[in-house]
Amino acid sequence: MSSAKTFAELQDQIRARYAELSKRLQQVAKYVIDNKNTVAMQTVAVIAKEADVPPSTLIRFANTFGFSGFNEMKQIFRLDLVKETANYTERARLFREMEGASAADQPHDILQEFARANAQALQQLVVHTPADEMQRAVDLLEQAQTIYVIGLRRSFSAAAYLRYALSHLERRVVLLDGLGGMLAEQLNLMGREDVVLSISFTPYAEETVMVSEKASQTGARQIVITDSQISPLASLSDVCFVVKEAQVGAFRSQSATLCLLQSLAVGLAFQTSGQDVAASL
């Protein structure tokens, strides 16, 4: 099996396979899930001692989930720890401590890393995005009476861009920003002829999940952009795009998401009005 790329993916794999693991590996599984910060920061020797297993059992556990060794698996825990640090200055400091001198910290070095990672992410976006799903999403947007767009926290800028682009196509668009705590009121007029486009990545915003559940109850069609087929939004969607964004250290980009949204908007423009309108986006 392929190894997980995020802690959430690894956690899901461990839970799904827990019953089939040996007692020793179940012991490791329980320890790493319950003590993820310790796993991120401590040596293999310390982790093995605290989990009360030989170091070789940790290696076997990592191999079971597709990693070449336990230190490779540890990187998942380390990046998750850094991501949980909301303050970017503190996040950069913690990442530098864990990576040591190998971490690029000069502005141009960081630019090179992001450019390289984004180029790879964009290539993967093309390869893993089915043409028929793109067309289906454009058809849903064209048929919608009102398009509701939601993306909170780091996804807000992408949602705001889509609202801007769709407004140039003279579509009726509502950006669900919850301003003034009025998110529920913004949803009051949602109906079966509408489409909700939700953007959310782990850790998934509770408000976005709530909007998706409300849309499901109302009968509105849903387009979801997320990072996993097992995200809480995916099961409620009519079209689900799984986007793996570029990541440099603990900092994630939004280039692939914005590229996908721009492609949907321009695709809708060509389908409904032709090249002149598409050129204005």
C-alpha atoms as a PDB file:
ATOM      1  CA  MET A   1       0.000   0.000   0.000  1.00  0.00           C
ATOM      2  CA  SER A   2       1.120   3.576  -0.593  1.00  0.00           C
ATOM      3  CA  SER A   3       2.189   5.536   2.459  1.00  0.00           C
ATOM      4  CA  ALA A   4       0.025   8.340   3.857  1.00  0.00           C
ATOM      5  CA  LYS A   5       0.953  11.943   3.067  1.00  0.00           C
ATOM      6  CA  THR A   6      -0.745  13.572   6.062  1.00  0.00           C
ATOM      7  CA  PHE A   7      -1.442  12.648   9.676  1.00  0.00           C
ATOM      8  CA  ALA A   8      -5.183  12.523   8.944  1.00  0.00           C
ATOM      9  CA  GLU A   9      -4.614   9.975   6.168  1.00  0.00           C
ATOM     10  CA  LEU A  10      -2.339   7.893   8.388  1.00  0.00           C
ATOM     11  CA  GLN A  11      -4.851   8.018  11.231  1.00  0.00           C
ATOM     12  CA  ASP A  12      -7.603   6.781   8.909  1.00  0.00           C
ATOM     13  CA  GLN A  13      -5.387   3.941   7.653  1.00  0.00           C
ATOM     14  CA  ILE A  14      -4.498   2.882  11.186  1.00  0.00           C
ATOM     15  CA  ARG A  15      -8.146   2.870  12.275  1.00  0.00           C
ATOM     16  CA  ALA A  16      -9.225   0.935   9.187  1.00  0.00           C
ATOM     17  CA  ARG A  17      -6.574  -1.760   9.661  1.00  0.00           C
ATOM     18  CA  TYR A  18      -6.371  -1.844  13.472  1.00  0.00           C
ATOM     19  CA  ALA A  19      -8.296  -5.109  13.885  1.00  0.00           C
ATOM     20  CA  GLU A  20      -5.971  -7.009  11.533  1.00  0.00           C
ATOM     21  CA  LEU A  21      -2.766  -5.911  13.278  1.00  0.00           C
ATOM     22  CA  SER A  22      -0.899  -8.152  15.698  1.00  0.00           C
ATOM     23  CA  LYS A  23      -1.149  -7.326  19.397  1.00  0.00           C
ATOM     24  CA  ARG A  24       2.314  -5.741  19.340  1.00  0.00           C
ATOM     25  CA  LEU A  25       1.441  -3.545  16.361  1.00  0.00           C
ATOM     26  CA  GLN A  26      -1.887  -2.614  17.951  1.00  0.00           C
ATOM     27  CA  GLN A  27       0.119  -1.486  20.977  1.00  0.00           C
ATOM     28  CA  VAL A  28       2.221   0.760  18.747  1.00  0.00           C
ATOM     29  CA  ALA A  29      -0.857   2.025  16.909  1.00  0.00           C
ATOM     30  CA  LYS A  30      -2.544   3.084  20.120  1.00  0.00           C
ATOM     31  CA  TYR A  31       0.606   4.787  21.379  1.00  0.00           C
ATOM     32  CA  VAL A  32       1.352   6.819  18.226  1.00  0.00           C
ATOM     33  CA  ILE A  33      -2.243   8.016  17.883  1.00  0.00           C
ATOM     34  CA  ASP A  34      -2.490   9.010  21.543  1.00  0.00           C
ATOM     35  CA  ASN A  35       0.997  10.593  21.747  1.00  0.00           C
ATOM     36  CA  LYS A  36       1.523  12.212  18.361  1.00  0.00           C
ATOM     37  CA  ASN A  37       3.555  15.165  19.703  1.00  0.00           C
ATOM     38  CA  THR A  38       5.952  12.824  21.490  1.00  0.00           C
ATOM     39  CA  VAL A  39       6.365  10.806  18.294  1.00  0.00           C
ATOM     40  CA  ALA A  40       7.129  14.028  16.421  1.00  0.00           C
ATOM     41  CA  MET A  41       9.846  15.213  18.773  1.00  0.00           C
ATOM     42  CA  GLN A  42      11.486  12.154  20.373  1.00  0.00           C
ATOM     43  CA  THR A  43      14.020   9.615  19.089  1.00  0.00           C
ATOM     44  CA  VAL A  44      13.087   6.096  18.049  1.00  0.00           C
ATOM     45  CA  ALA A  45      14.772   4.762  21.195  1.00  0.00           C
ATOM     46  CA  VAL A  46      12.677   6.970  23.490  1.00  0.00           C
ATOM     47  CA  ILE A  47       9.438   6.191  21.639  1.00  0.00           C
ATOM     48  CA  ALA A  48      10.139   2.451  21.775  1.00  0.00           C
ATOM     49  CA  LYS A  49      10.803   2.629  25.516  1.00  0.00           C
ATOM     50  CA  GLU A  50       7.629   4.617  26.241  1.00  0.00           C
ATOM     51  CA  ALA A  51       5.517   2.384  23.991  1.00  0.00           C
ATOM     52  CA  ASP A  52       7.091  -0.668  25.715  1.00  0.00           C
ATOM     53  CA  VAL A  53       8.139  -2.334  22.459  1.00  0.00           C
ATOM     54  CA  PRO A  54      11.517  -3.088  20.811  1.00  0.00           C
ATOM     55  CA  PRO A  55      12.700  -0.529  18.213  1.00  0.00           C
ATOM     56  CA  SER A  56      12.348  -3.248  15.580  1.00  0.00           C
ATOM     57  CA  THR A  57       8.586  -3.290  16.234  1.00  0.00           C
ATOM     58  CA  LEU A  58       8.380   0.413  15.381  1.00  0.00           C
ATOM     59  CA  ILE A  59      10.145  -0.279  12.089  1.00  0.00           C
ATOM     60  CA  ARG A  60       7.784  -3.180  11.358  1.00  0.00           C
ATOM     61  CA  PHE A  61       4.808  -0.939  12.146  1.00  0.00           C
ATOM     62  CA  ALA A  62       6.057   1.725   9.721  1.00  0.00           C
ATOM     63  CA  ASN A  63       6.672  -0.906   7.021  1.00  0.00           C
ATOM     64  CA  THR A  64       3.114  -2.183   7.478  1.00  0.00           C
ATOM     65  CA  PHE A  65       1.811   1.238   6.436  1.00  0.00           C
ATOM     66  CA  GLY A  66       4.085   1.652   3.432  1.00  0.00           C
ATOM     67  CA  PHE A  67       7.028   3.539   4.955  1.00  0.00           C
ATOM     68  CA  SER A  68      10.661   2.487   4.487  1.00  0.00           C
ATOM     69  CA  GLY A  69      11.342   3.062   8.176  1.00  0.00           C
ATOM     70  CA  PHE A  70       9.973   4.651  11.324  1.00  0.00           C
ATOM     71  CA  ASN A  71      11.899   7.898  10.814  1.00  0.00           C
ATOM     72  CA  GLU A  72      10.111   8.361   7.485  1.00  0.00           C
ATOM     73  CA  MET A  73       6.770   7.898   9.239  1.00  0.00           C
ATOM     74  CA  LYS A  74       7.843  10.404  11.903  1.00  0.00           C
ATOM     75  CA  GLN A  75       7.908  13.164   9.283  1.00  0.00           C
ATOM     76  CA  ILE A  76       4.105  12.930   9.090  1.00  0.00           C
ATOM     77  CA  PHE A  77       3.856  13.591  12.828  1.00  0.00           C
ATOM     78  CA  ARG A  78       6.399  16.414  12.729  1.00  0.00           C
ATOM     79  CA  LEU A  79       4.634  18.290   9.955  1.00  0.00           C
ATOM     80  CA  ASP A  80       1.294  17.861  11.695  1.00  0.00           C
ATOM     81  CA  LEU A  81       2.755  19.355  14.884  1.00  0.00           C
ATOM     82  CA  VAL A  82       4.021  22.385  12.984  1.00  0.00           C
ATOM     83  CA  LYS A  83       0.694  22.855  11.170  1.00  0.00           C
ATOM     84  CA  GLU A  84      -1.128  23.001  14.503  1.00  0.00           C
ATOM     85  CA  THR A  85       0.904  26.104  15.373  1.00  0.00           C
ATOM     86  CA  ALA A  86      -1.294  28.936  14.092  1.00  0.00           C
ATOM     87  CA  ASN A  87       1.314  31.700  14.401  1.00  0.00           C
ATOM     88  CA  TYR A  88       3.495  31.668  11.264  1.00  0.00           C
ATOM     89  CA  THR A  89       6.559  33.063  13.061  1.00  0.00           C
ATOM     90  CA  GLU A  90       6.369  30.316  15.688  1.00  0.00           C
ATOM     91  CA  ARG A  91       5.673  27.743  12.975  1.00  0.00           C
ATOM     92  CA  ALA A  92       8.815  28.764  11.071  1.00  0.00           C
ATOM     93  CA  ARG A  93      10.884  28.619  14.282  1.00  0.00           C
ATOM     94  CA  LEU A  94       9.610  25.153  15.189  1.00  0.00           C
ATOM     95  CA  PHE A  95      10.176  23.826  11.687  1.00  0.00           C
ATOM     96  CA  ARG A  96      13.737  25.196  11.665  1.00  0.00           C
ATOM     97  CA  GLU A  97      14.429  23.532  15.032  1.00  0.00           C
ATOM     98  CA  MET A  98      13.266  20.172  13.762  1.00  0.00           C
ATOM     99  CA  GLU A  99      14.974  20.391  10.376  1.00  0.00           C
ATOM    100  CA  GLY A 100      18.183  22.060  11.543  1.00  0.00           C
ATOM    101  CA  ALA A 101      20.539  23.573   8.991  1.00  0.00           C
ATOM    102  CA  SER A 102      18.876  21.707   6.110  1.00  0.00           C
ATOM    103  CA  ALA A 103      15.846  24.004   6.178  1.00  0.00           C
ATOM    104  CA  ALA A 104      15.982  26.715   3.494  1.00  0.00           C
ATOM    105  CA  ASP A 105      15.338  30.063   5.137  1.00  0.00           C
ATOM    106  CA  GLN A 106      16.501  32.687   2.625  1.00  0.00           C
ATOM    107  CA  PRO A 107      13.686  34.375   0.636  1.00  0.00           C
ATOM    108  CA  HIS A 108      14.990  33.316  -2.778  1.00  0.00           C
ATOM    109  CA  ASP A 109      15.613  29.752  -1.610  1.00  0.00           C
ATOM    110  CA  ILE A 110      12.033  29.631  -0.338  1.00  0.00           C
ATOM    111  CA  LEU A 111      10.785  30.996  -3.687  1.00  0.00           C
ATOM    112  CA  GLN A 112      12.651  28.253  -5.533  1.00  0.00           C
ATOM    113  CA  GLU A 113      11.182  25.587  -3.266  1.00  0.00           C
ATOM    114  CA  PHE A 114       7.620  26.849  -3.674  1.00  0.00           C
ATOM    115  CA  ALA A 115       8.026  27.212  -7.447  1.00  0.00           C
ATOM    116  CA  ARG A 116       9.322  23.644  -7.740  1.00  0.00           C
ATOM    117  CA  ALA A 117       6.637  22.201  -5.466  1.00  0.00           C
ATOM    118  CA  ASN A 118       3.843  24.137  -7.189  1.00  0.00           C
ATOM    119  CA  ALA A 119       4.976  22.962 -10.632  1.00  0.00           C
ATOM    120  CA  GLN A 120       4.714  19.360  -9.444  1.00  0.00           C
ATOM    121  CA  ALA A 121       1.326  19.967  -7.802  1.00  0.00           C
ATOM    122  CA  LEU A 122      -0.066  21.514 -10.988  1.00  0.00           C
ATOM    123  CA  GLN A 123       1.138  18.567 -13.070  1.00  0.00           C
ATOM    124  CA  GLN A 124      -0.553  16.175 -10.656  1.00  0.00           C
ATOM    125  CA  LEU A 125      -3.733  18.259 -10.780  1.00  0.00           C
ATOM    126  CA  VAL A 126      -3.997  17.729 -14.538  1.00  0.00           C
ATOM    127  CA  VAL A 127      -3.238  14.012 -14.309  1.00  0.00           C
ATOM    128  CA  HIS A 128      -5.696  13.268 -11.501  1.00  0.00           C
ATOM    129  CA  THR A 129      -8.622  15.514 -12.505  1.00  0.00           C
ATOM    130  CA  PRO A 130     -11.044  13.630 -14.805  1.00  0.00           C
ATOM    131  CA  ALA A 131     -12.266  15.570 -17.840  1.00  0.00           C
ATOM    132  CA  ASP A 132     -15.831  14.309 -17.396  1.00  0.00           C
ATOM    133  CA  GLU A 133     -15.934  15.596 -13.808  1.00  0.00           C
ATOM    134  CA  MET A 134     -14.743  19.018 -14.967  1.00  0.00           C
ATOM    135  CA  GLN A 135     -17.508  19.088 -17.549  1.00  0.00           C
ATOM    136  CA  ARG A 136     -20.098  17.937 -15.039  1.00  0.00           C
ATOM    137  CA  ALA A 137     -19.080  20.706 -12.635  1.00  0.00           C
ATOM    138  CA  VAL A 138     -19.339  23.340 -15.380  1.00  0.00           C
ATOM    139  CA  ASP A 139     -22.783  22.001 -16.331  1.00  0.00           C
ATOM    140  CA  LEU A 140     -23.956  22.253 -12.721  1.00  0.00           C
ATOM    141  CA  LEU A 141     -22.708  25.832 -12.469  1.00  0.00           C
ATOM    142  CA  GLU A 142     -24.453  26.737 -15.722  1.00  0.00           C
ATOM    143  CA  GLN A 143     -27.771  25.246 -14.593  1.00  0.00           C
ATOM    144  CA  ALA A 144     -27.711  26.743 -11.087  1.00  0.00           C
ATOM    145  CA  GLN A 145     -30.225  29.422 -10.178  1.00  0.00           C
ATOM    146  CA  THR A 146     -27.877  30.661  -7.451  1.00  0.00           C
ATOM    147  CA  ILE A 147     -24.305  29.576  -6.766  1.00  0.00           C
ATOM    148  CA  TYR A 148     -23.275  29.543  -3.110  1.00  0.00           C
ATOM    149  CA  VAL A 149     -19.517  29.565  -2.497  1.00  0.00           C
ATOM    150  CA  ILE A 150     -17.845  28.788   0.817  1.00  0.00           C
ATOM    151  CA  GLY A 151     -14.192  28.547   1.778  1.00  0.00           C
ATOM    152  CA  LEU A 152     -13.066  29.590   5.241  1.00  0.00           C
ATOM    153  CA  ARG A 153      -9.705  30.234   6.901  1.00  0.00           C
ATOM    154  CA  ARG A 154      -6.938  29.523   4.411  1.00  0.00           C
ATOM    155  CA  SER A 155      -9.498  28.635   1.726  1.00  0.00           C
ATOM    156  CA  PHE A 156     -11.230  32.018   1.948  1.00  0.00           C
ATOM    157  CA  SER A 157      -9.052  33.718  -0.665  1.00  0.00           C
ATOM    158  CA  ALA A 158      -9.849  30.966  -3.189  1.00  0.00           C
ATOM    159  CA  ALA A 159     -13.587  31.271  -2.481  1.00  0.00           C
ATOM    160  CA  ALA A 160     -13.423  35.058  -2.812  1.00  0.00           C
ATOM    161  CA  TYR A 161     -11.661  34.712  -6.179  1.00  0.00           C
ATOM    162  CA  LEU A 162     -14.363  32.377  -7.492  1.00  0.00           C
ATOM    163  CA  ARG A 163     -17.076  34.776  -6.367  1.00  0.00           C
ATOM    164  CA  TYR A 164     -15.277  37.560  -8.255  1.00  0.00           C
ATOM    165  CA  ALA A 165     -14.875  35.450 -11.409  1.00  0.00           C
ATOM    166  CA  LEU A 166     -18.477  34.233 -11.472  1.00  0.00           C
ATOM    167  CA  SER A 167     -19.813  37.759 -10.940  1.00  0.00           C
ATOM    168  CA  HIS A 168     -18.115  38.741 -14.220  1.00  0.00           C
ATOM    169  CA  LEU A 169     -20.232  36.073 -15.890  1.00  0.00           C
ATOM    170  CA  GLU A 170     -23.370  37.734 -14.522  1.00  0.00           C
ATOM    171  CA  ARG A 171     -24.175  34.720 -12.402  1.00  0.00           C
ATOM    172  CA  ARG A 172     -26.099  35.065  -9.164  1.00  0.00           C
ATOM    173  CA  VAL A 173     -23.423  34.279  -6.579  1.00  0.00           C
ATOM    174  CA  VAL A 174     -23.489  34.335  -2.773  1.00  0.00           C
ATOM    175  CA  LEU A 175     -20.181  34.199  -0.904  1.00  0.00           C
ATOM    176  CA  LEU A 176     -20.937  32.468   2.394  1.00  0.00           C
ATOM    177  CA  ASP A 177     -18.581  34.399   4.656  1.00  0.00           C
ATOM    178  CA  GLY A 178     -20.684  34.353   7.856  1.00  0.00           C
ATOM    179  CA  LEU A 179     -20.067  38.060   8.360  1.00  0.00           C
ATOM    180  CA  GLY A 180     -21.573  39.202  11.647  1.00  0.00           C
ATOM    181  CA  GLY A 181     -22.394  35.605  12.597  1.00  0.00           C
ATOM    182  CA  MET A 182     -25.072  35.508   9.886  1.00  0.00           C
ATOM    183  CA  LEU A 183     -24.082  32.266   8.136  1.00  0.00           C
ATOM    184  CA  ALA A 184     -27.378  30.519   8.912  1.00  0.00           C
ATOM    185  CA  GLU A 185     -29.312  33.534   7.606  1.00  0.00           C
ATOM    186  CA  GLN A 186     -27.266  33.526   4.395  1.00  0.00           C
ATOM    187  CA  LEU A 187     -28.450  29.977   3.766  1.00  0.00           C
ATOM    188  CA  ASN A 188     -32.159  30.631   4.300  1.00  0.00           C
ATOM    189  CA  LEU A 189     -32.992  31.036   0.609  1.00  0.00           C
ATOM    190  CA  MET A 190     -31.023  28.019  -0.623  1.00  0.00           C
ATOM    191  CA  GLY A 191     -33.152  25.719  -2.777  1.00  0.00           C
ATOM    192  CA  ARG A 192     -33.078  22.629  -4.962  1.00  0.00           C
ATOM    193  CA  GLU A 193     -32.170  24.631  -8.068  1.00  0.00           C
ATOM    194  CA  ASP A 194     -28.998  25.985  -6.480  1.00  0.00           C
ATOM    195  CA  VAL A 195     -25.406  24.761  -6.362  1.00  0.00           C
ATOM    196  CA  VAL A 196     -23.007  24.944  -3.418  1.00  0.00           C
ATOM    197  CA  LEU A 197     -19.289  24.950  -4.144  1.00  0.00           C
ATOM    198  CA  SER A 198     -17.312  24.171  -0.974  1.00  0.00           C
ATOM    199  CA  ILE A 199     -13.551  24.423  -0.519  1.00  0.00           C
ATOM    200  CA  SER A 200     -12.046  22.853   2.593  1.00  0.00           C
ATOM    201  CA  PHE A 201      -8.843  21.052   3.538  1.00  0.00           C
ATOM    202  CA  THR A 202      -7.832  19.276   6.709  1.00  0.00           C
ATOM    203  CA  PRO A 203      -8.528  20.339   9.426  1.00  0.00           C
ATOM    204  CA  TYR A 204     -11.962  20.873   7.896  1.00  0.00           C
ATOM    205  CA  ALA A 205     -13.820  23.993   8.987  1.00  0.00           C
ATOM    206  CA  GLU A 206     -16.915  23.058  10.997  1.00  0.00           C
ATOM    207  CA  GLU A 207     -18.936  25.811   9.310  1.00  0.00           C
ATOM    208  CA  THR A 208     -18.134  24.433   5.858  1.00  0.00           C
ATOM    209  CA  VAL A 209     -19.235  20.949   6.891  1.00  0.00           C
ATOM    210  CA  MET A 210     -22.446  22.465   8.303  1.00  0.00           C
ATOM    211  CA  VAL A 211     -23.155  24.226   4.993  1.00  0.00           C
ATOM    212  CA  SER A 212     -22.601  20.976   3.100  1.00  0.00           C
ATOM    213  CA  GLU A 213     -25.009  19.116   5.390  1.00  0.00           C
ATOM    214  CA  LYS A 214     -27.595  21.896   4.991  1.00  0.00           C
ATOM    215  CA  ALA A 215     -27.246  21.734   1.207  1.00  0.00           C
ATOM    216  CA  SER A 216     -27.775  17.983   1.314  1.00  0.00           C
ATOM    217  CA  GLN A 217     -30.967  18.416   3.336  1.00  0.00           C
ATOM    218  CA  THR A 218     -32.222  21.102   0.953  1.00  0.00           C
ATOM    219  CA  GLY A 219     -31.466  19.099  -2.162  1.00  0.00           C
ATOM    220  CA  ALA A 220     -29.011  21.588  -3.646  1.00  0.00           C
ATOM    221  CA  ARG A 221     -26.285  20.126  -5.849  1.00  0.00           C
ATOM    222  CA  GLN A 222     -22.745  20.214  -4.481  1.00  0.00           C
ATOM    223  CA  ILE A 223     -19.274  20.677  -5.946  1.00  0.00           C
ATOM    224  CA  VAL A 224     -16.503  20.018  -3.439  1.00  0.00           C
ATOM    225  CA  ILE A 225     -12.798  20.810  -3.568  1.00  0.00           C
ATOM    226  CA  THR A 226     -10.953  19.005  -0.795  1.00  0.00           C
ATOM    227  CA  ASP A 227      -7.846  16.927  -0.079  1.00  0.00           C
ATOM    228  CA  SER A 228      -9.242  13.418   0.409  1.00  0.00           C
ATOM    229  CA  GLN A 229     -12.029  11.175  -0.805  1.00  0.00           C
ATOM    230  CA  ILE A 230     -12.763  10.446   2.848  1.00  0.00           C
ATOM    231  CA  SER A 231     -13.157  14.085   3.866  1.00  0.00           C
ATOM    232  CA  PRO A 232     -16.537  14.800   5.518  1.00  0.00           C
ATOM    233  CA  LEU A 233     -17.555  16.818   2.431  1.00  0.00           C
ATOM    234  CA  ALA A 234     -16.797  14.182  -0.192  1.00  0.00           C
ATOM    235  CA  SER A 235     -19.675  11.823   0.641  1.00  0.00           C
ATOM    236  CA  LEU A 236     -22.220  14.645   0.243  1.00  0.00           C
ATOM    237  CA  SER A 237     -20.946  15.897  -3.105  1.00  0.00           C
ATOM    238  CA  ASP A 238     -22.196  15.485  -6.660  1.00  0.00           C
ATOM    239  CA  VAL A 239     -18.720  16.300  -7.965  1.00  0.00           C
ATOM    240  CA  CYS A 240     -15.612  16.002  -5.785  1.00  0.00           C
ATOM    241  CA  PHE A 241     -12.177  17.255  -6.790  1.00  0.00           C
ATOM    242  CA  VAL A 242      -9.314  15.961  -4.654  1.00  0.00           C
ATOM    243  CA  VAL A 243      -6.485  18.505  -4.797  1.00  0.00           C
ATOM    244  CA  LYS A 244      -3.030  17.802  -3.368  1.00  0.00           C
ATOM    245  CA  GLU A 245      -1.483  21.196  -2.819  1.00  0.00           C
ATOM    246  CA  ALA A 246       2.229  21.910  -2.852  1.00  0.00           C
ATOM    247  CA  GLN A 247       3.860  21.991   0.532  1.00  0.00           C
ATOM    248  CA  VAL A 248       7.201  23.441   1.565  1.00  0.00           C
ATOM    249  CA  GLY A 249       7.958  22.395   5.102  1.00  0.00           C
ATOM    250  CA  ALA A 250       4.797  23.109   7.068  1.00  0.00           C
ATOM    251  CA  PHE A 251       3.484  25.756   4.671  1.00  0.00           C
ATOM    252  CA  ARG A 252       0.890  24.804   2.068  1.00  0.00           C
ATOM    253  CA  SER A 253       0.281  26.621  -1.188  1.00  0.00           C
ATOM    254  CA  GLN A 254      -3.057  27.350  -2.891  1.00  0.00           C
ATOM    255  CA  SER A 255      -1.858  27.416  -6.498  1.00  0.00           C
ATOM    256  CA  ALA A 256      -3.507  24.162  -7.597  1.00  0.00           C
ATOM    257  CA  THR A 257      -6.843  25.122  -6.031  1.00  0.00           C
ATOM    258  CA  LEU A 258      -6.833  28.532  -7.692  1.00  0.00           C
ATOM    259  CA  CYS A 259      -5.857  26.976 -11.032  1.00  0.00           C
ATOM    260  CA  LEU A 260      -8.782  24.546 -10.805  1.00  0.00           C
ATOM    261  CA  LEU A 261     -11.247  27.318  -9.905  1.00  0.00           C
ATOM    262  CA  GLN A 262     -10.028  29.552 -12.713  1.00  0.00           C
ATOM    263  CA  SER A 263     -10.375  26.658 -15.164  1.00  0.00           C
ATOM    264  CA  LEU A 264     -13.971  26.050 -14.057  1.00  0.00           C
ATOM    265  CA  ALA A 265     -14.823  29.746 -14.361  1.00  0.00           C
ATOM    266  CA  VAL A 266     -13.268  30.109 -17.818  1.00  0.00           C
ATOM    267  CA  GLY A 267     -14.836  26.824 -18.925  1.00  0.00           C
ATOM    268  CA  LEU A 268     -18.226  28.169 -17.837  1.00  0.00           C
ATOM    269  CA  ALA A 269     -17.556  31.423 -19.693  1.00  0.00           C
ATOM    270  CA  PHE A 270     -16.820  29.650 -22.970  1.00  0.00           C
ATOM    271  CA  GLN A 271     -19.811  27.344 -22.547  1.00  0.00           C
ATOM    272  CA  THR A 272     -22.282  30.157 -21.889  1.00  0.00           C
ATOM    273  CA  SER A 273     -21.015  33.302 -23.567  1.00  0.00           C
ATOM    274  CA  GLY A 274     -17.914  32.700 -25.634  1.00  0.00           C
ATOM    275  CA  GLN A 275     -14.387  34.015 -25.686  1.00  0.00           C
ATOM    276  CA  ASP A 276     -15.111  37.713 -25.113  1.00  0.00           C
ATOM    277  CA  VAL A 277     -16.473  37.125 -21.618  1.00  0.00           C
ATOM    278  CA  ALA A 278     -13.773  34.576 -20.783  1.00  0.00           C
ATOM    279  CA  ALA A 279     -11.124  37.158 -21.560  1.00  0.00           C
ATOM    280  CA  SER A 280     -12.449  39.458 -18.818  1.00  0.00           C
ATOM    281  CA  LEU A 281     -11.847  36.954 -15.981  1.00  0.00           C
END
